[in-house]
Amino acid sequence: METAIKTVQKMTSKGQVTLPAFWRKRFATSQVIIETKEEKVEITPFVFPSAVAGDITVCNANSASFDFLKDEPDLYNVKDLKKKYV
Protein backbone atom coordinates (compact mmCIF):
# COMPACT_ATOMS: atom_id res chain seq x y z
CA MET A 1 0.00 0.00 0.00
CA GLU A 2 1.37 3.38 -0.99
CA THR A 3 1.65 6.18 1.51
CA ALA A 4 -0.19 9.36 0.57
CA ILE A 5 1.83 12.55 0.93
CA LYS A 6 -0.11 15.77 1.10
CA THR A 7 1.57 19.07 0.33
CA VAL A 8 0.33 22.55 -0.42
CA GLN A 9 1.54 23.78 -3.81
CA LYS A 10 1.15 27.21 -5.35
CA MET A 11 -0.76 27.47 -8.61
CA THR A 12 -0.01 30.13 -11.23
CA SER A 13 -2.68 32.34 -12.75
CA LYS A 14 -2.57 29.98 -15.77
CA GLY A 15 -3.31 26.95 -13.56
CA GLN A 16 0.21 25.52 -13.63
CA VAL A 17 1.39 23.47 -10.67
CA THR A 18 4.89 22.06 -10.17
CA LEU A 19 4.80 18.36 -9.39
CA PRO A 20 7.19 17.27 -6.63
CA ALA A 21 10.65 16.28 -7.93
CA PHE A 22 10.68 12.96 -6.08
CA TRP A 23 7.46 11.99 -7.89
CA ARG A 24 8.65 13.12 -11.35
CA LYS A 25 11.91 11.16 -11.02
CA ARG A 26 10.03 7.90 -10.44
CA PHE A 27 8.72 7.81 -14.01
CA ALA A 28 10.52 7.82 -17.36
CA THR A 29 8.11 10.23 -19.01
CA SER A 30 7.33 13.91 -19.35
CA GLN A 31 3.65 13.30 -20.13
CA VAL A 32 0.75 12.72 -17.78
CA ILE A 33 -2.93 11.82 -17.99
CA ILE A 34 -5.12 14.31 -16.14
CA GLU A 35 -8.54 13.18 -14.95
CA THR A 36 -10.96 15.41 -13.09
CA LYS A 37 -13.14 13.81 -10.43
CA GLU A 38 -15.67 16.03 -8.73
CA GLU A 39 -13.45 18.64 -7.06
CA LYS A 40 -10.20 16.65 -7.40
CA VAL A 41 -7.64 16.31 -10.17
CA GLU A 42 -5.89 12.95 -10.57
CA ILE A 43 -2.52 12.94 -12.37
CA THR A 44 -1.16 9.64 -13.68
CA PRO A 45 2.16 9.27 -15.50
CA PHE A 46 1.76 8.28 -19.16
CA VAL A 47 4.59 6.00 -20.26
CA PHE A 48 4.71 4.81 -23.87
CA PRO A 49 5.45 1.09 -24.13
CA SER A 50 8.51 1.79 -26.27
CA ALA A 51 9.94 -1.67 -25.62
CA VAL A 52 7.29 -2.96 -28.02
CA ALA A 53 7.54 -0.25 -30.67
CA GLY A 54 9.25 3.06 -31.25
CA ASP A 55 7.86 6.09 -29.44
CA ILE A 56 6.54 7.64 -32.65
CA THR A 57 4.76 4.44 -33.68
CA VAL A 58 3.14 4.09 -30.26
CA CYS A 59 2.17 7.76 -30.21
CA ASN A 60 0.51 7.43 -33.63
CA ALA A 61 -1.27 4.24 -32.61
CA ASN A 62 -2.68 5.90 -29.49
CA SER A 63 -3.65 9.04 -31.38
CA ALA A 64 -6.89 9.81 -33.17
CA SER A 65 -4.90 11.41 -36.00
CA PHE A 66 -5.45 8.50 -38.38
CA ASP A 67 -9.06 7.70 -37.46
CA PHE A 68 -10.22 9.09 -40.81
CA LEU A 69 -8.62 6.05 -42.49
CA LYS A 70 -11.15 3.71 -40.87
CA ASP A 71 -13.79 4.99 -43.30
CA GLU A 72 -11.51 4.74 -46.35
CA PRO A 73 -11.66 1.69 -48.62
CA ASP A 74 -8.67 -0.64 -48.73
CA LEU A 75 -6.93 0.16 -52.01
CA TYR A 76 -4.27 -2.51 -51.76
CA ASN A 77 -4.13 -6.07 -50.50
CA VAL A 78 -1.65 -8.95 -50.24
CA LYS A 79 -2.08 -9.82 -53.94
CA ASP A 80 -0.61 -6.42 -54.85
CA LEU A 81 2.72 -7.26 -53.19
CA LYS A 82 5.55 -8.09 -55.53
CA LYS A 83 7.90 -9.35 -52.83
CA LYS A 84 7.21 -10.44 -49.26
CA TYR A 85 9.74 -9.39 -46.64
CA VAL A 86 8.19 -11.18 -43.69
C-alpha atoms as a PDB file:
ATOM      1  CA  MET A   1       0.000   0.000   0.000  1.00  0.00           C
ATOM      2  CA  GLU A   2       1.373   3.379  -0.990  1.00  0.00           C
ATOM      3  CA  THR A   3       1.649   6.182   1.506  1.00  0.00           C
ATOM      4  CA  ALA A   4      -0.191   9.357   0.571  1.00  0.00           C
ATOM      5  CA  ILE A   5       1.828  12.546   0.928  1.00  0.00           C
ATOM      6  CA  LYS A   6      -0.110  15.772   1.096  1.00  0.00           C
ATOM      7  CA  THR A   7       1.567  19.070   0.334  1.00  0.00           C
ATOM      8  CA  VAL A   8       0.331  22.553  -0.417  1.00  0.00           C
ATOM      9  CA  GLN A   9       1.537  23.785  -3.805  1.00  0.00           C
ATOM     10  CA  LYS A  10       1.153  27.209  -5.352  1.00  0.00           C
ATOM     11  CA  MET A  11      -0.760  27.473  -8.606  1.00  0.00           C
ATOM     12  CA  THR A  12      -0.006  30.131 -11.229  1.00  0.00           C
ATOM     13  CA  SER A  13      -2.683  32.339 -12.747  1.00  0.00           C
ATOM     14  CA  LYS A  14      -2.568  29.975 -15.767  1.00  0.00           C
ATOM     15  CA  GLY A  15      -3.313  26.953 -13.557  1.00  0.00           C
ATOM     16  CA  GLN A  16       0.213  25.523 -13.635  1.00  0.00           C
ATOM     17  CA  VAL A  17       1.386  23.473 -10.666  1.00  0.00           C
ATOM     18  CA  THR A  18       4.888  22.057 -10.169  1.00  0.00           C
ATOM     19  CA  LEU A  19       4.796  18.363  -9.395  1.00  0.00           C
ATOM     20  CA  PRO A  20       7.194  17.274  -6.625  1.00  0.00           C
ATOM     21  CA  ALA A  21      10.655  16.282  -7.935  1.00  0.00           C
ATOM     22  CA  PHE A  22      10.680  12.956  -6.076  1.00  0.00           C
ATOM     23  CA  TRP A  23       7.458  11.988  -7.893  1.00  0.00           C
ATOM     24  CA  ARG A  24       8.647  13.122 -11.353  1.00  0.00           C
ATOM     25  CA  LYS A  25      11.912  11.162 -11.018  1.00  0.00           C
ATOM     26  CA  ARG A  26      10.032   7.896 -10.437  1.00  0.00           C
ATOM     27  CA  PHE A  27       8.717   7.807 -14.011  1.00  0.00           C
ATOM     28  CA  ALA A  28      10.524   7.820 -17.361  1.00  0.00           C
ATOM     29  CA  THR A  29       8.114  10.229 -19.013  1.00  0.00           C
ATOM     30  CA  SER A  30       7.331  13.907 -19.348  1.00  0.00           C
ATOM     31  CA  GLN A  31       3.650  13.303 -20.134  1.00  0.00           C
ATOM     32  CA  VAL A  32       0.746  12.716 -17.781  1.00  0.00           C
ATOM     33  CA  ILE A  33      -2.929  11.821 -17.990  1.00  0.00           C
ATOM     34  CA  ILE A  34      -5.122  14.311 -16.142  1.00  0.00           C
ATOM     35  CA  GLU A  35      -8.536  13.175 -14.952  1.00  0.00           C
ATOM     36  CA  THR A  36     -10.956  15.408 -13.094  1.00  0.00           C
ATOM     37  CA  LYS A  37     -13.136  13.807 -10.430  1.00  0.00           C
ATOM     38  CA  GLU A  38     -15.669  16.025  -8.727  1.00  0.00           C
ATOM     39  CA  GLU A  39     -13.446  18.637  -7.065  1.00  0.00           C
ATOM     40  CA  LYS A  40     -10.199  16.649  -7.397  1.00  0.00           C
ATOM     41  CA  VAL A  41      -7.643  16.310 -10.170  1.00  0.00           C
ATOM     42  CA  GLU A  42      -5.888  12.952 -10.573  1.00  0.00           C
ATOM     43  CA  ILE A  43      -2.520  12.937 -12.368  1.00  0.00           C
ATOM     44  CA  THR A  44      -1.161   9.644 -13.684  1.00  0.00           C
ATOM     45  CA  PRO A  45       2.164   9.269 -15.505  1.00  0.00           C
ATOM     46  CA  PHE A  46       1.760   8.280 -19.156  1.00  0.00           C
ATOM     47  CA  VAL A  47       4.588   6.004 -20.264  1.00  0.00           C
ATOM     48  CA  PHE A  48       4.709   4.808 -23.874  1.00  0.00           C
ATOM     49  CA  PRO A  49       5.446   1.087 -24.126  1.00  0.00           C
ATOM     50  CA  SER A  50       8.514   1.794 -26.270  1.00  0.00           C
ATOM     51  CA  ALA A  51       9.940  -1.666 -25.622  1.00  0.00           C
ATOM     52  CA  VAL A  52       7.293  -2.961 -28.022  1.00  0.00           C
ATOM     53  CA  ALA A  53       7.538  -0.253 -30.674  1.00  0.00           C
ATOM     54  CA  GLY A  54       9.254   3.055 -31.251  1.00  0.00           C
ATOM     55  CA  ASP A  55       7.860   6.094 -29.437  1.00  0.00           C
ATOM     56  CA  ILE A  56       6.544   7.644 -32.650  1.00  0.00           C
ATOM     57  CA  THR A  57       4.759   4.441 -33.678  1.00  0.00           C
ATOM     58  CA  VAL A  58       3.135   4.091 -30.265  1.00  0.00           C
ATOM     59  CA  CYS A  59       2.169   7.759 -30.212  1.00  0.00           C
ATOM     60  CA  ASN A  60       0.512   7.430 -33.626  1.00  0.00           C
ATOM     61  CA  ALA A  61      -1.268   4.237 -32.614  1.00  0.00           C
ATOM     62  CA  ASN A  62      -2.684   5.903 -29.492  1.00  0.00           C
ATOM     63  CA  SER A  63      -3.652   9.041 -31.382  1.00  0.00           C
ATOM     64  CA  ALA A  64      -6.889   9.809 -33.170  1.00  0.00           C
ATOM     65  CA  SER A  65      -4.902  11.414 -35.999  1.00  0.00           C
ATOM     66  CA  PHE A  66      -5.446   8.503 -38.380  1.00  0.00           C
ATOM     67  CA  ASP A  67      -9.061   7.704 -37.458  1.00  0.00           C
ATOM     68  CA  PHE A  68     -10.216   9.095 -40.811  1.00  0.00           C
ATOM     69  CA  LEU A  69      -8.619   6.053 -42.493  1.00  0.00           C
ATOM     70  CA  LYS A  70     -11.154   3.714 -40.875  1.00  0.00           C
ATOM     71  CA  ASP A  71     -13.788   4.994 -43.303  1.00  0.00           C
ATOM     72  CA  GLU A  72     -11.506   4.737 -46.354  1.00  0.00           C
ATOM     73  CA  PRO A  73     -11.663   1.689 -48.619  1.00  0.00           C
ATOM     74  CA  ASP A  74      -8.668  -0.636 -48.727  1.00  0.00           C
ATOM     75  CA  LEU A  75      -6.935   0.163 -52.011  1.00  0.00           C
ATOM     76  CA  TYR A  76      -4.266  -2.513 -51.763  1.00  0.00           C
ATOM     77  CA  ASN A  77      -4.131  -6.072 -50.498  1.00  0.00           C
ATOM     78  CA  VAL A  78      -1.649  -8.947 -50.244  1.00  0.00           C
ATOM     79  CA  LYS A  79      -2.080  -9.819 -53.937  1.00  0.00           C
ATOM     80  CA  ASP A  80      -0.614  -6.421 -54.853  1.00  0.00           C
ATOM     81  CA  LEU A  81       2.719  -7.255 -53.192  1.00  0.00           C
ATOM     82  CA  LYS A  82       5.553  -8.094 -55.533  1.00  0.00           C
ATOM     83  CA  LYS A  83       7.900  -9.346 -52.830  1.00  0.00           C
ATOM     84  CA  LYS A  84       7.209 -10.437 -49.260  1.00  0.00           C
ATOM     85  CA  TYR A  85       9.745  -9.395 -46.638  1.00  0.00           C
ATOM     86  CA  VAL A  86       8.188 -11.184 -43.690  1.00  0.00           C
END
